[in-house]
């Protein structure tokens, strides 16, 4: 039986977005300082490593983002990989409400580049290139330095946050065969 293919020129953007949501991603917060030293940040699940031999990564940013110019013109930006305990913080950085997003922005730390303290991993990047791509820009960064911590990652799947489950170290200590099952709900 043939797959029920949907042509992108015959569907709306929401249907296409929902389809892309079936790809489980991690959750990041991308941050920089503006020309006046104020923090600017957004939640992104569009993160990809690009190159190891010249350490490059990329994140995508919607052109409608109100502070896009801060990222187009920044010298440095950070990418913080969020852990399971940081769901609320992720939602705050994703908010367009200044009363919700403001306290999250104020919680950023870092002298030369702001980042989310307590993240699973933080990459500090020099802006390497910006590529125009449809309704987004692709911000490519050269990783200058990084730190990695211990936590369970925060995931995003079909429009909802998902946890990965028990701590990997706990599972490794069992040293027995393990059958894994689960239920996803949102």
N, C-alpha and C. Protein backbone atom coordinates (compact mmCIF):
# COMPACT_ATOMS: atom_id res chain seq x y z
N UNK A 1 0.84 -1.18 0.00
CA UNK A 1 0.00 0.00 0.00
C UNK A 1 0.89 1.25 0.00
N UNK A 2 0.54 2.21 -0.78
CA UNK A 2 1.30 3.46 -0.90
C UNK A 2 1.12 4.32 0.35
N UNK A 3 2.19 5.02 0.72
CA UNK A 3 2.13 5.96 1.83
C UNK A 3 1.21 7.12 1.46
N UNK A 4 0.48 7.67 2.43
CA UNK A 4 -0.40 8.83 2.14
C UNK A 4 0.42 10.13 2.13
N UNK A 5 1.11 10.39 1.05
CA UNK A 5 1.96 11.56 0.94
C UNK A 5 1.13 12.84 0.93
N UNK A 6 1.66 13.85 1.59
CA UNK A 6 1.03 15.16 1.60
C UNK A 6 2.00 16.13 0.95
N UNK A 7 1.52 16.82 -0.05
CA UNK A 7 2.35 17.79 -0.75
C UNK A 7 2.40 19.09 0.06
N UNK A 8 3.60 19.64 0.23
CA UNK A 8 3.75 20.86 1.02
C UNK A 8 3.08 22.06 0.36
N UNK A 9 2.92 22.01 -0.96
CA UNK A 9 2.24 23.13 -1.62
C UNK A 9 0.72 23.00 -1.54
N UNK A 10 0.24 21.92 -0.87
CA UNK A 10 -1.20 21.72 -0.72
C UNK A 10 -1.62 21.67 0.75
N UNK A 11 -0.70 21.96 1.67
CA UNK A 11 -1.06 21.96 3.10
C UNK A 11 -0.72 23.32 3.70
N UNK A 12 -1.26 23.59 4.88
CA UNK A 12 -0.94 24.86 5.53
C UNK A 12 0.31 24.70 6.41
N UNK A 13 0.85 25.83 6.86
CA UNK A 13 2.09 25.83 7.64
C UNK A 13 1.92 25.06 8.95
N UNK A 14 0.74 25.12 9.57
CA UNK A 14 0.50 24.44 10.84
C UNK A 14 0.61 22.92 10.66
N UNK A 15 0.04 22.39 9.58
CA UNK A 15 0.11 20.95 9.34
C UNK A 15 1.57 20.52 9.15
N UNK A 16 2.34 21.32 8.41
CA UNK A 16 3.76 21.01 8.21
C UNK A 16 4.52 21.09 9.53
N UNK A 17 4.22 22.13 10.33
CA UNK A 17 4.88 22.28 11.63
C UNK A 17 4.58 21.08 12.53
N UNK A 18 3.33 20.64 12.56
CA UNK A 18 2.96 19.48 13.37
C UNK A 18 3.71 18.23 12.92
N UNK A 19 3.91 18.10 11.62
CA UNK A 19 4.66 16.96 11.10
C UNK A 19 6.10 17.01 11.58
N UNK A 20 6.73 18.18 11.52
CA UNK A 20 8.11 18.32 11.99
C UNK A 20 8.22 18.04 13.49
N UNK A 21 7.14 18.28 14.22
CA UNK A 21 7.13 18.03 15.66
C UNK A 21 7.25 16.57 16.03
N UNK A 22 7.12 15.67 15.07
CA UNK A 22 7.28 14.25 15.38
C UNK A 22 8.75 13.85 15.48
N UNK A 23 9.65 14.80 15.27
CA UNK A 23 11.08 14.56 15.47
C UNK A 23 11.42 15.02 16.88
N UNK A 24 11.81 14.08 17.75
CA UNK A 24 12.17 14.39 19.13
C UNK A 24 13.46 15.20 19.14
N UNK A 25 13.43 16.35 19.81
CA UNK A 25 14.61 17.21 19.88
C UNK A 25 14.94 17.53 21.33
N UNK A 26 16.12 18.05 21.52
CA UNK A 26 16.48 18.62 22.80
C UNK A 26 15.97 20.05 22.85
N UNK A 27 16.12 20.69 23.99
CA UNK A 27 15.65 22.07 24.16
C UNK A 27 16.85 22.92 24.58
N UNK A 28 17.02 24.05 23.89
CA UNK A 28 18.11 24.96 24.19
C UNK A 28 17.59 26.36 24.43
N UNK A 29 18.40 27.16 25.08
CA UNK A 29 18.17 28.60 25.17
C UNK A 29 19.40 29.26 24.55
N UNK A 30 19.15 30.15 23.60
CA UNK A 30 20.20 30.89 22.91
C UNK A 30 20.18 32.31 23.45
N UNK A 31 21.34 32.82 23.86
CA UNK A 31 21.38 34.13 24.51
C UNK A 31 22.57 34.96 24.04
N UNK A 32 22.40 36.28 24.10
CA UNK A 32 23.47 37.22 23.81
C UNK A 32 23.20 38.51 24.58
N UNK A 33 24.17 39.41 24.55
CA UNK A 33 23.97 40.75 25.08
C UNK A 33 23.74 41.69 23.91
N UNK A 34 22.86 42.68 24.09
CA UNK A 34 22.67 43.68 23.04
C UNK A 34 23.74 44.77 23.18
N UNK A 35 23.69 45.77 22.34
CA UNK A 35 24.71 46.82 22.32
C UNK A 35 24.78 47.59 23.65
N UNK A 36 23.69 47.59 24.42
CA UNK A 36 23.66 48.28 25.71
C UNK A 36 23.97 47.37 26.88
N UNK A 37 24.29 46.11 26.61
CA UNK A 37 24.63 45.17 27.68
C UNK A 37 23.44 44.45 28.28
N UNK A 38 22.25 44.61 27.71
CA UNK A 38 21.07 43.90 28.21
C UNK A 38 21.01 42.52 27.57
N UNK A 39 20.56 41.55 28.34
CA UNK A 39 20.43 40.19 27.84
C UNK A 39 19.27 40.03 26.88
N UNK A 40 19.43 39.14 25.93
CA UNK A 40 18.40 38.81 24.96
C UNK A 40 18.49 37.30 24.77
N UNK A 41 17.35 36.59 24.78
CA UNK A 41 17.39 35.13 24.70
C UNK A 41 16.08 34.57 24.17
N UNK A 42 16.16 33.37 23.60
CA UNK A 42 14.98 32.66 23.12
C UNK A 42 15.19 31.17 23.28
N UNK A 43 14.09 30.44 23.38
CA UNK A 43 14.12 28.98 23.42
C UNK A 43 14.15 28.46 22.00
N UNK A 44 15.01 27.47 21.75
CA UNK A 44 15.11 26.88 20.42
C UNK A 44 15.28 25.37 20.52
N UNK A 45 14.59 24.65 19.66
CA UNK A 45 14.85 23.22 19.56
C UNK A 45 15.48 22.90 18.20
N UNK A 46 15.81 23.95 17.45
CA UNK A 46 16.47 23.78 16.16
C UNK A 46 17.97 24.03 16.33
N UNK A 47 18.65 23.06 16.90
CA UNK A 47 20.09 23.11 17.14
C UNK A 47 20.73 21.94 16.42
N UNK A 48 21.88 22.17 15.81
CA UNK A 48 22.60 21.10 15.12
C UNK A 48 24.09 21.35 15.20
N UNK A 49 24.84 20.27 15.40
CA UNK A 49 26.29 20.40 15.25
C UNK A 49 26.58 20.40 13.75
N UNK A 50 27.55 21.19 13.34
CA UNK A 50 27.87 21.35 11.92
C UNK A 50 29.22 20.73 11.60
N UNK A 51 30.23 21.01 12.43
CA UNK A 51 31.59 20.57 12.12
C UNK A 51 32.35 20.35 13.42
N UNK A 52 33.22 19.33 13.43
CA UNK A 52 34.09 19.09 14.57
C UNK A 52 35.46 19.73 14.36
N UNK A 53 35.98 19.64 13.12
CA UNK A 53 37.28 20.21 12.81
C UNK A 53 37.06 21.61 12.28
N UNK A 54 36.98 22.48 13.10
CA UNK A 54 36.49 23.83 13.26
C UNK A 54 35.13 23.60 13.92
N UNK A 55 35.10 23.75 15.23
CA UNK A 55 33.90 23.42 15.99
C UNK A 55 32.74 24.39 15.72
N UNK A 56 31.84 23.99 14.82
CA UNK A 56 30.72 24.85 14.41
C UNK A 56 29.40 24.20 14.78
N UNK A 57 28.46 25.06 15.20
CA UNK A 57 27.08 24.64 15.49
C UNK A 57 26.14 25.61 14.78
N UNK A 58 24.86 25.26 14.73
CA UNK A 58 23.89 26.21 14.21
C UNK A 58 22.60 26.14 15.01
N UNK A 59 21.92 27.28 15.04
CA UNK A 59 20.58 27.39 15.60
C UNK A 59 19.76 28.20 14.60
N UNK A 60 18.45 27.97 14.62
CA UNK A 60 17.56 28.72 13.72
C UNK A 60 16.70 29.65 14.54
N UNK A 61 16.49 30.83 13.99
CA UNK A 61 15.75 31.89 14.68
C UNK A 61 14.74 32.50 13.72
N UNK A 62 13.48 32.54 14.12
CA UNK A 62 12.43 33.12 13.29
C UNK A 62 12.66 34.60 13.05
N UNK A 63 12.44 35.03 11.83
CA UNK A 63 12.64 36.44 11.48
C UNK A 63 11.66 37.36 12.21
N UNK A 64 10.57 36.82 12.73
CA UNK A 64 9.60 37.65 13.44
C UNK A 64 10.00 37.90 14.89
N UNK A 65 11.06 37.28 15.38
CA UNK A 65 11.52 37.48 16.74
C UNK A 65 11.89 38.95 16.94
N UNK A 66 11.35 39.57 17.97
CA UNK A 66 11.51 41.01 18.16
C UNK A 66 12.96 41.45 18.38
N UNK A 67 13.79 40.58 18.92
CA UNK A 67 15.19 40.95 19.20
C UNK A 67 16.15 40.32 18.21
N UNK A 68 15.68 40.02 17.01
CA UNK A 68 16.53 39.34 16.02
C UNK A 68 17.80 40.12 15.72
N UNK A 69 17.72 41.45 15.69
CA UNK A 69 18.90 42.26 15.38
C UNK A 69 20.03 42.03 16.37
N UNK A 70 19.69 41.73 17.63
CA UNK A 70 20.74 41.46 18.62
C UNK A 70 21.58 40.26 18.21
N UNK A 71 20.96 39.27 17.58
CA UNK A 71 21.68 38.06 17.17
C UNK A 71 22.35 38.24 15.81
N UNK A 72 21.75 39.05 14.95
CA UNK A 72 22.38 39.33 13.66
C UNK A 72 23.67 40.11 13.83
N UNK A 73 23.75 40.92 14.89
CA UNK A 73 24.89 41.81 15.08
C UNK A 73 25.81 41.44 16.24
N UNK A 74 25.51 40.37 16.95
CA UNK A 74 26.31 40.03 18.12
C UNK A 74 27.69 39.50 17.73
N UNK A 75 28.63 39.65 18.64
CA UNK A 75 29.94 39.03 18.46
C UNK A 75 29.93 37.62 19.02
N UNK A 76 29.21 37.44 20.15
CA UNK A 76 29.16 36.14 20.82
C UNK A 76 27.72 35.82 21.20
N UNK A 77 27.45 34.53 21.28
CA UNK A 77 26.17 34.06 21.81
C UNK A 77 26.41 32.72 22.50
N UNK A 78 25.49 32.34 23.35
CA UNK A 78 25.59 31.05 24.03
C UNK A 78 24.44 30.17 23.61
N UNK A 79 24.66 28.87 23.74
CA UNK A 79 23.60 27.88 23.58
C UNK A 79 23.64 27.03 24.84
N UNK A 80 22.56 27.08 25.63
CA UNK A 80 22.45 26.30 26.87
C UNK A 80 21.51 25.14 26.61
N UNK A 81 22.01 23.90 26.78
CA UNK A 81 21.17 22.71 26.65
C UNK A 81 20.45 22.53 27.98
N UNK A 82 19.13 22.58 27.95
CA UNK A 82 18.38 22.51 29.19
C UNK A 82 18.19 21.08 29.68
N UNK A 83 18.16 20.95 31.00
CA UNK A 83 17.90 19.67 31.65
C UNK A 83 16.43 19.57 32.03
N UNK A 84 16.03 18.36 32.36
CA UNK A 84 14.65 18.05 32.74
C UNK A 84 14.08 19.03 33.78
N UNK A 85 14.85 19.43 34.81
CA UNK A 85 14.29 20.34 35.82
C UNK A 85 14.03 21.76 35.31
N UNK A 86 14.41 22.08 34.08
CA UNK A 86 14.32 23.45 33.59
C UNK A 86 13.14 23.69 32.64
N UNK A 87 12.10 22.89 32.73
CA UNK A 87 10.92 23.05 31.86
C UNK A 87 10.32 24.44 31.96
N UNK A 88 10.10 24.90 33.19
CA UNK A 88 9.48 26.21 33.39
C UNK A 88 10.34 27.33 32.82
N UNK A 89 11.64 27.20 32.99
CA UNK A 89 12.56 28.20 32.45
C UNK A 89 12.49 28.23 30.92
N UNK A 90 12.40 27.06 30.31
CA UNK A 90 12.26 26.97 28.86
C UNK A 90 11.01 27.71 28.40
N UNK A 91 9.91 27.45 29.09
CA UNK A 91 8.64 28.11 28.73
C UNK A 91 8.75 29.62 28.89
N UNK A 92 9.45 30.07 29.93
CA UNK A 92 9.60 31.52 30.15
C UNK A 92 10.39 32.16 29.01
N UNK A 93 11.47 31.51 28.58
CA UNK A 93 12.27 32.07 27.48
C UNK A 93 11.50 32.02 26.15
N UNK A 94 10.55 31.11 26.03
CA UNK A 94 9.75 31.00 24.81
C UNK A 94 8.60 32.00 24.79
N UNK A 95 8.28 32.58 25.94
CA UNK A 95 7.14 33.48 26.05
C UNK A 95 7.39 34.81 25.33
N UNK A 96 6.31 35.39 24.84
CA UNK A 96 6.37 36.74 24.27
C UNK A 96 5.90 37.78 25.29
N UNK A 97 5.44 37.32 26.44
CA UNK A 97 4.96 38.20 27.50
C UNK A 97 6.16 38.72 28.29
N UNK A 98 6.42 40.04 28.27
CA UNK A 98 7.58 40.60 28.98
C UNK A 98 7.57 40.31 30.48
N UNK A 99 6.37 40.18 31.08
CA UNK A 99 6.30 39.89 32.52
C UNK A 99 6.73 38.47 32.83
N UNK A 100 6.64 37.58 31.86
CA UNK A 100 7.09 36.19 32.02
C UNK A 100 8.55 36.06 31.61
N UNK A 101 8.88 36.66 30.48
CA UNK A 101 10.23 36.51 29.93
C UNK A 101 11.26 37.35 30.69
N UNK A 102 10.86 38.51 31.19
CA UNK A 102 11.79 39.42 31.89
C UNK A 102 12.56 38.76 33.02
N UNK A 103 11.88 38.09 33.96
CA UNK A 103 12.62 37.44 35.05
C UNK A 103 13.57 36.35 34.54
N UNK A 104 13.20 35.67 33.47
CA UNK A 104 14.09 34.65 32.90
C UNK A 104 15.35 35.31 32.35
N UNK A 105 15.17 36.41 31.62
CA UNK A 105 16.32 37.15 31.08
C UNK A 105 17.22 37.63 32.23
N UNK A 106 16.59 38.12 33.31
CA UNK A 106 17.35 38.61 34.46
C UNK A 106 18.14 37.50 35.15
N UNK A 107 17.74 36.25 34.97
CA UNK A 107 18.43 35.12 35.62
C UNK A 107 19.68 34.67 34.86
N UNK A 108 19.90 35.21 33.66
CA UNK A 108 21.10 34.83 32.90
C UNK A 108 22.35 35.27 33.64
N UNK A 109 23.41 34.48 33.52
CA UNK A 109 24.69 34.81 34.14
C UNK A 109 25.76 34.85 33.04
N UNK A 110 26.92 35.37 33.36
CA UNK A 110 28.03 35.39 32.41
C UNK A 110 28.50 36.80 32.15
N UNK A 111 29.82 36.99 32.17
CA UNK A 111 30.39 38.32 31.96
C UNK A 111 30.44 38.71 30.50
N UNK A 112 31.10 37.92 29.67
CA UNK A 112 31.26 38.30 28.27
C UNK A 112 30.13 37.77 27.39
N UNK A 113 29.35 36.80 27.89
CA UNK A 113 28.24 36.23 27.13
C UNK A 113 27.26 35.60 28.11
N UNK A 114 25.98 35.95 28.04
CA UNK A 114 25.02 35.40 28.99
C UNK A 114 24.67 33.95 28.68
N UNK A 115 24.35 33.19 29.73
CA UNK A 115 23.93 31.81 29.56
C UNK A 115 23.03 31.40 30.72
N UNK A 116 22.41 30.23 30.61
CA UNK A 116 21.52 29.72 31.65
C UNK A 116 22.35 28.88 32.63
N UNK A 117 22.48 29.39 33.84
CA UNK A 117 23.24 28.68 34.86
C UNK A 117 22.54 27.36 35.20
N UNK A 118 23.33 26.31 35.45
CA UNK A 118 22.77 25.01 35.83
C UNK A 118 22.30 24.18 34.66
N UNK A 119 22.64 24.58 33.45
CA UNK A 119 22.24 23.82 32.27
C UNK A 119 23.05 22.53 32.14
N UNK A 120 22.51 21.61 31.37
CA UNK A 120 23.19 20.35 31.10
C UNK A 120 24.53 20.61 30.41
N UNK A 121 24.53 21.50 29.44
CA UNK A 121 25.73 21.91 28.71
C UNK A 121 25.57 23.36 28.30
N UNK A 122 26.67 24.09 28.25
CA UNK A 122 26.66 25.46 27.73
C UNK A 122 27.80 25.59 26.73
N UNK A 123 27.47 26.12 25.55
CA UNK A 123 28.46 26.43 24.52
C UNK A 123 28.55 27.95 24.40
N UNK A 124 29.75 28.50 24.45
CA UNK A 124 29.95 29.92 24.19
C UNK A 124 30.54 30.00 22.78
N UNK A 125 29.86 30.76 21.91
CA UNK A 125 30.21 30.78 20.49
C UNK A 125 30.50 32.19 19.99
N UNK A 126 31.42 32.27 19.04
CA UNK A 126 31.61 33.49 18.26
C UNK A 126 30.69 33.38 17.06
N UNK A 127 30.02 34.47 16.70
CA UNK A 127 29.18 34.44 15.50
C UNK A 127 30.08 34.21 14.30
N UNK A 128 29.82 33.14 13.58
CA UNK A 128 30.63 32.75 12.42
C UNK A 128 29.98 33.18 11.11
N UNK A 129 28.66 32.97 11.01
CA UNK A 129 27.95 33.31 9.78
C UNK A 129 26.46 33.36 10.06
N UNK A 130 25.74 34.08 9.23
CA UNK A 130 24.29 34.14 9.28
C UNK A 130 23.78 33.84 7.87
N UNK A 131 22.83 32.91 7.78
CA UNK A 131 22.30 32.51 6.48
C UNK A 131 20.80 32.79 6.46
N UNK A 132 20.33 33.46 5.43
CA UNK A 132 18.91 33.72 5.25
C UNK A 132 18.25 32.43 4.74
N UNK A 133 17.18 32.00 5.41
CA UNK A 133 16.53 30.74 5.02
C UNK A 133 15.02 30.84 5.24
N UNK A 134 14.28 31.26 4.24
CA UNK A 134 12.82 31.34 4.34
C UNK A 134 12.39 32.31 5.41
N UNK A 135 11.55 31.85 6.34
CA UNK A 135 11.08 32.73 7.41
C UNK A 135 11.98 32.68 8.64
N UNK A 136 13.16 32.08 8.52
CA UNK A 136 14.13 31.99 9.60
C UNK A 136 15.50 32.47 9.12
N UNK A 137 16.36 32.70 10.10
CA UNK A 137 17.79 32.86 9.80
C UNK A 137 18.49 31.68 10.46
N UNK A 138 19.59 31.29 9.88
CA UNK A 138 20.43 30.24 10.46
C UNK A 138 21.65 30.96 11.03
N UNK A 139 21.80 30.87 12.33
CA UNK A 139 22.90 31.49 13.04
C UNK A 139 23.96 30.42 13.28
N UNK A 140 25.11 30.57 12.64
CA UNK A 140 26.19 29.59 12.77
C UNK A 140 27.22 30.17 13.73
N UNK A 141 27.59 29.37 14.71
CA UNK A 141 28.57 29.81 15.69
C UNK A 141 29.78 28.91 15.73
N UNK A 142 30.93 29.51 15.97
CA UNK A 142 32.16 28.76 16.21
C UNK A 142 32.29 28.63 17.72
N UNK A 143 32.27 27.40 18.21
CA UNK A 143 32.33 27.17 19.65
C UNK A 143 33.72 27.54 20.15
N UNK A 144 33.72 28.47 21.08
CA UNK A 144 34.96 28.98 21.67
C UNK A 144 35.33 28.20 22.93
N UNK A 145 34.31 27.88 23.74
CA UNK A 145 34.51 27.10 24.96
C UNK A 145 33.17 26.48 25.37
N UNK A 146 33.22 25.46 26.23
CA UNK A 146 32.00 24.81 26.67
C UNK A 146 32.18 24.22 28.06
N UNK A 147 31.06 23.92 28.69
CA UNK A 147 31.04 23.21 29.96
C UNK A 147 29.89 22.22 29.91
N UNK A 148 30.08 21.08 30.54
CA UNK A 148 29.05 20.04 30.54
C UNK A 148 28.81 19.57 31.97
N UNK A 149 27.55 19.45 32.34
CA UNK A 149 27.18 19.03 33.69
C UNK A 149 26.49 17.68 33.68
N UNK A 150 25.89 17.36 34.80
CA UNK A 150 25.18 16.09 34.97
C UNK A 150 23.71 16.38 35.21
N UNK A 151 22.87 15.89 34.34
CA UNK A 151 21.43 16.06 34.49
C UNK A 151 20.75 15.23 33.41
N UNK A 152 19.48 15.03 33.54
CA UNK A 152 18.71 14.39 32.48
C UNK A 152 18.30 15.47 31.49
N UNK A 153 18.39 15.21 30.18
CA UNK A 153 18.04 16.23 29.19
C UNK A 153 16.54 16.48 29.13
N UNK A 154 16.19 17.67 28.70
CA UNK A 154 14.81 18.03 28.45
C UNK A 154 14.54 17.83 26.97
N UNK A 155 13.49 17.11 26.64
CA UNK A 155 13.14 16.86 25.25
C UNK A 155 11.85 17.57 24.85
N UNK A 156 11.62 17.65 23.56
CA UNK A 156 10.41 18.26 23.02
C UNK A 156 9.91 17.37 21.88
N UNK A 157 8.62 17.00 21.95
CA UNK A 157 8.05 16.07 20.98
C UNK A 157 6.57 16.40 20.78
N UNK A 158 6.20 16.62 19.54
CA UNK A 158 4.81 16.92 19.17
C UNK A 158 4.18 18.00 20.04
N UNK A 159 4.93 19.08 20.22
CA UNK A 159 4.40 20.24 20.92
C UNK A 159 4.41 20.18 22.43
N UNK A 160 5.10 19.19 23.01
CA UNK A 160 5.11 19.07 24.46
C UNK A 160 6.50 18.66 24.95
N UNK A 161 6.81 19.02 26.19
CA UNK A 161 8.05 18.60 26.81
C UNK A 161 7.96 17.13 27.17
N UNK A 162 9.07 16.43 27.04
CA UNK A 162 9.15 15.03 27.45
C UNK A 162 10.45 14.83 28.21
N UNK A 163 10.39 13.96 29.22
CA UNK A 163 11.58 13.57 29.95
C UNK A 163 12.11 12.27 29.37
N UNK A 164 13.36 12.00 29.61
CA UNK A 164 13.98 10.80 29.06
C UNK A 164 13.80 9.62 30.01
N UNK A 165 13.66 9.84 31.29
CA UNK A 165 13.42 8.74 32.21
C UNK A 165 14.44 8.66 33.31
N UNK A 166 14.65 7.45 33.85
CA UNK A 166 15.58 7.29 34.97
C UNK A 166 16.98 7.75 34.61
N UNK A 167 17.70 8.15 35.62
CA UNK A 167 19.07 8.58 35.44
C UNK A 167 19.88 7.45 34.82
N UNK A 168 20.62 7.75 33.78
CA UNK A 168 21.40 6.75 33.06
C UNK A 168 22.37 6.04 33.99
N UNK A 169 22.97 6.78 34.93
CA UNK A 169 23.92 6.14 35.86
C UNK A 169 23.23 5.08 36.70
N UNK A 170 21.97 5.32 37.11
CA UNK A 170 21.23 4.33 37.88
C UNK A 170 21.00 3.07 37.06
N UNK A 171 20.66 3.22 35.80
CA UNK A 171 20.42 2.06 34.93
C UNK A 171 21.71 1.28 34.73
N UNK A 172 22.83 2.00 34.51
CA UNK A 172 24.12 1.32 34.31
C UNK A 172 24.51 0.49 35.51
N UNK A 173 24.15 0.92 36.72
CA UNK A 173 24.53 0.20 37.94
C UNK A 173 23.74 -1.08 38.12
N UNK A 174 22.62 -1.24 37.42
CA UNK A 174 21.83 -2.46 37.53
C UNK A 174 22.58 -3.68 37.00
N UNK A 175 23.34 -3.51 35.96
CA UNK A 175 24.16 -4.56 35.34
C UNK A 175 23.34 -5.79 34.96
N UNK A 176 22.06 -5.65 34.80
CA UNK A 176 21.19 -6.74 34.37
C UNK A 176 20.51 -6.33 33.08
N UNK A 177 20.03 -7.33 32.31
CA UNK A 177 19.26 -6.98 31.11
C UNK A 177 18.06 -6.12 31.53
N UNK A 178 17.70 -5.22 30.68
CA UNK A 178 16.64 -4.27 31.01
C UNK A 178 15.67 -4.17 29.85
N UNK A 179 14.40 -4.29 30.15
CA UNK A 179 13.36 -4.09 29.15
C UNK A 179 12.74 -2.75 29.46
N UNK A 180 12.69 -1.88 28.45
CA UNK A 180 12.21 -0.53 28.65
C UNK A 180 10.88 -0.36 27.93
N UNK A 181 9.94 0.24 28.58
CA UNK A 181 8.67 0.59 27.98
C UNK A 181 8.26 1.94 28.50
N UNK A 182 7.27 2.52 27.92
CA UNK A 182 6.85 3.82 28.41
C UNK A 182 5.56 4.26 27.75
N UNK A 183 5.02 5.29 28.32
CA UNK A 183 3.81 5.90 27.80
C UNK A 183 4.07 7.38 27.64
N UNK A 184 3.80 7.91 26.45
CA UNK A 184 3.91 9.34 26.22
C UNK A 184 2.51 9.92 26.27
N UNK A 185 2.35 11.00 26.94
CA UNK A 185 1.07 11.69 26.93
C UNK A 185 1.33 13.18 26.99
N UNK A 186 0.35 13.91 26.49
CA UNK A 186 0.45 15.37 26.61
C UNK A 186 -0.91 15.95 26.65
